[in-house]
N, C-alpha and C. Protein backbone atom coordinates (compact mmCIF):
# COMPACT_ATOMS: atom_id res chain seq x y z
N UNK A 1 91.69 115.98 87.44
CA UNK A 1 90.35 115.99 86.90
C UNK A 1 90.00 117.41 86.48
N UNK A 2 89.36 117.49 85.37
CA UNK A 2 88.93 118.78 84.86
C UNK A 2 87.46 119.00 85.18
N UNK A 3 86.99 120.22 84.99
CA UNK A 3 85.61 120.56 85.32
C UNK A 3 84.62 119.70 84.54
N UNK A 4 84.90 119.41 83.27
CA UNK A 4 83.97 118.60 82.49
C UNK A 4 83.93 117.17 83.02
N UNK A 5 85.04 116.69 83.56
CA UNK A 5 85.06 115.35 84.15
C UNK A 5 84.18 115.30 85.40
N UNK A 6 84.21 116.37 86.17
CA UNK A 6 83.42 116.42 87.40
C UNK A 6 81.94 116.40 87.05
N UNK A 7 81.55 117.11 86.00
CA UNK A 7 80.15 117.12 85.58
C UNK A 7 79.71 115.72 85.15
N UNK A 8 80.59 114.99 84.49
CA UNK A 8 80.27 113.62 84.09
C UNK A 8 80.13 112.71 85.31
N UNK A 9 80.96 112.95 86.33
CA UNK A 9 80.91 112.13 87.53
C UNK A 9 79.59 112.30 88.27
N UNK A 10 79.03 113.49 88.21
CA UNK A 10 77.76 113.74 88.91
C UNK A 10 76.62 112.90 88.30
N UNK A 11 76.77 112.47 87.07
CA UNK A 11 75.76 111.66 86.42
C UNK A 11 75.89 110.17 86.69
N UNK A 12 76.95 109.77 87.33
CA UNK A 12 77.17 108.34 87.59
C UNK A 12 76.43 107.89 88.85
N UNK A 13 76.22 106.59 88.96
CA UNK A 13 75.55 106.03 90.12
C UNK A 13 76.51 105.94 91.29
N UNK A 14 75.94 105.68 92.47
CA UNK A 14 76.76 105.55 93.67
C UNK A 14 77.75 104.40 93.54
N UNK A 15 77.30 103.29 92.97
CA UNK A 15 78.18 102.12 92.83
C UNK A 15 79.37 102.43 91.92
N UNK A 16 79.12 103.16 90.85
CA UNK A 16 80.20 103.52 89.93
C UNK A 16 81.19 104.46 90.61
N UNK A 17 80.67 105.40 91.39
CA UNK A 17 81.55 106.33 92.10
C UNK A 17 82.40 105.61 93.15
N UNK A 18 81.79 104.67 93.85
CA UNK A 18 82.53 103.91 94.85
C UNK A 18 83.63 103.07 94.19
N UNK A 19 83.35 102.54 93.01
CA UNK A 19 84.36 101.78 92.29
C UNK A 19 85.52 102.69 91.87
N UNK A 20 85.21 103.92 91.48
CA UNK A 20 86.26 104.87 91.12
C UNK A 20 87.10 105.25 92.33
N UNK A 21 86.46 105.40 93.49
CA UNK A 21 87.21 105.70 94.72
C UNK A 21 88.16 104.55 95.02
N UNK A 22 87.68 103.33 94.89
CA UNK A 22 88.53 102.17 95.14
C UNK A 22 89.72 102.13 94.18
N UNK A 23 89.47 102.44 92.92
CA UNK A 23 90.54 102.46 91.92
C UNK A 23 91.59 103.52 92.27
N UNK A 24 91.12 104.70 92.65
CA UNK A 24 92.04 105.79 93.01
C UNK A 24 92.83 105.44 94.27
N UNK A 25 92.20 104.76 95.21
CA UNK A 25 92.93 104.34 96.42
C UNK A 25 94.03 103.34 96.08
N UNK A 26 93.77 102.47 95.12
CA UNK A 26 94.81 101.53 94.69
C UNK A 26 95.97 102.28 94.05
N UNK A 27 95.65 103.29 93.23
CA UNK A 27 96.70 104.11 92.62
C UNK A 27 97.53 104.79 93.70
N UNK A 28 96.84 105.32 94.72
CA UNK A 28 97.53 105.99 95.81
C UNK A 28 98.44 105.02 96.56
N UNK A 29 97.95 103.82 96.82
CA UNK A 29 98.74 102.82 97.51
C UNK A 29 99.98 102.45 96.70
N UNK A 30 99.79 102.21 95.40
CA UNK A 30 100.92 101.85 94.54
C UNK A 30 101.95 102.97 94.49
N UNK A 31 101.50 104.20 94.46
CA UNK A 31 102.42 105.34 94.44
C UNK A 31 103.22 105.41 95.74
N UNK A 32 102.54 105.15 96.85
CA UNK A 32 103.26 105.16 98.14
C UNK A 32 104.29 104.04 98.21
N UNK A 33 103.94 102.88 97.68
CA UNK A 33 104.89 101.77 97.69
C UNK A 33 106.10 102.08 96.80
N UNK A 34 105.86 102.70 95.66
CA UNK A 34 106.96 103.08 94.78
C UNK A 34 107.86 104.10 95.46
N UNK A 35 107.24 105.05 96.13
CA UNK A 35 108.03 106.07 96.82
C UNK A 35 108.87 105.43 97.93
N UNK A 36 108.31 104.45 98.61
CA UNK A 36 109.02 103.77 99.68
C UNK A 36 110.20 102.95 99.17
N UNK A 37 110.10 102.46 97.95
CA UNK A 37 111.18 101.64 97.40
C UNK A 37 112.23 102.49 96.69
N UNK A 38 112.02 103.81 96.65
CA UNK A 38 113.03 104.68 96.08
C UNK A 38 112.82 105.06 94.64
N UNK A 39 111.81 104.53 93.99
CA UNK A 39 111.57 104.87 92.59
C UNK A 39 110.29 105.67 92.45
N UNK A 40 110.01 106.48 93.44
CA UNK A 40 108.75 107.17 93.56
C UNK A 40 108.31 108.00 92.38
N UNK A 41 106.99 108.10 92.22
CA UNK A 41 106.43 108.94 91.16
C UNK A 41 106.57 110.42 91.53
N UNK A 42 106.13 111.26 90.65
CA UNK A 42 106.18 112.69 90.93
C UNK A 42 105.31 113.00 92.15
N UNK A 43 105.76 113.90 92.99
CA UNK A 43 104.93 114.28 94.15
C UNK A 43 103.58 114.85 93.71
N UNK A 44 103.55 115.50 92.56
CA UNK A 44 102.29 116.06 92.10
C UNK A 44 101.28 114.96 91.76
N UNK A 45 101.76 113.80 91.33
CA UNK A 45 100.86 112.69 91.00
C UNK A 45 100.18 112.17 92.27
N UNK A 46 100.92 112.09 93.34
CA UNK A 46 100.35 111.64 94.62
C UNK A 46 99.32 112.65 95.10
N UNK A 47 99.64 113.91 94.99
CA UNK A 47 98.74 114.98 95.43
C UNK A 47 97.45 114.97 94.60
N UNK A 48 97.57 114.81 93.30
CA UNK A 48 96.39 114.79 92.43
C UNK A 48 95.49 113.60 92.75
N UNK A 49 96.09 112.45 93.02
CA UNK A 49 95.30 111.27 93.35
C UNK A 49 94.52 111.50 94.64
N UNK A 50 95.19 112.09 95.61
CA UNK A 50 94.53 112.38 96.88
C UNK A 50 93.37 113.35 96.69
N UNK A 51 93.57 114.35 95.87
CA UNK A 51 92.51 115.33 95.61
C UNK A 51 91.36 114.73 94.80
N UNK A 52 91.68 113.82 93.89
CA UNK A 52 90.63 113.15 93.12
C UNK A 52 89.73 112.32 94.05
N UNK A 53 90.35 111.64 95.01
CA UNK A 53 89.58 110.86 95.98
C UNK A 53 88.65 111.78 96.76
N UNK A 54 89.15 112.93 97.16
CA UNK A 54 88.33 113.88 97.91
C UNK A 54 87.17 114.38 97.05
N UNK A 55 87.43 114.64 95.79
CA UNK A 55 86.36 115.10 94.89
C UNK A 55 85.27 114.04 94.75
N UNK A 56 85.69 112.79 94.57
CA UNK A 56 84.73 111.71 94.43
C UNK A 56 83.89 111.55 95.70
N UNK A 57 84.54 111.62 96.85
CA UNK A 57 83.82 111.49 98.11
C UNK A 57 82.85 112.64 98.32
N UNK A 58 83.24 113.83 97.89
CA UNK A 58 82.35 114.99 98.01
C UNK A 58 81.10 114.79 97.17
N UNK A 59 81.27 114.29 95.95
CA UNK A 59 80.12 114.04 95.08
C UNK A 59 79.21 112.98 95.69
N UNK A 60 79.81 111.92 96.27
CA UNK A 60 79.00 110.89 96.92
C UNK A 60 78.20 111.47 98.08
N UNK A 61 78.82 112.31 98.88
CA UNK A 61 78.15 112.91 100.02
C UNK A 61 77.02 113.82 99.56
N UNK A 62 77.25 114.59 98.52
CA UNK A 62 76.20 115.48 97.99
C UNK A 62 75.01 114.66 97.52
N UNK A 63 75.27 113.54 96.84
CA UNK A 63 74.17 112.71 96.36
C UNK A 63 73.39 112.11 97.53
N UNK A 64 74.10 111.66 98.56
CA UNK A 64 73.42 111.05 99.69
C UNK A 64 72.58 112.06 100.46
N UNK A 65 73.05 113.28 100.57
CA UNK A 65 72.30 114.31 101.30
C UNK A 65 71.07 114.76 100.52
N UNK A 66 71.17 114.78 99.21
CA UNK A 66 70.03 115.23 98.42
C UNK A 66 68.93 114.17 98.30
N UNK A 67 69.31 112.92 98.53
CA UNK A 67 68.35 111.82 98.38
C UNK A 67 67.47 111.63 99.59
């Protein structure tokens, strides 16, 4: 995710952000399953997905605290 993407995410609703977290978790799960079967994706892809989830959760927490 780039900085401009993060700014766009701050404008989304909680429901949209939660849906994005769910989507990223599915990506993470699929990547882990691929890695387990021996055809794993790049390690950087797994790391980026994990960091994207953390970014989304941080934005959700910031919104909840400010409300």
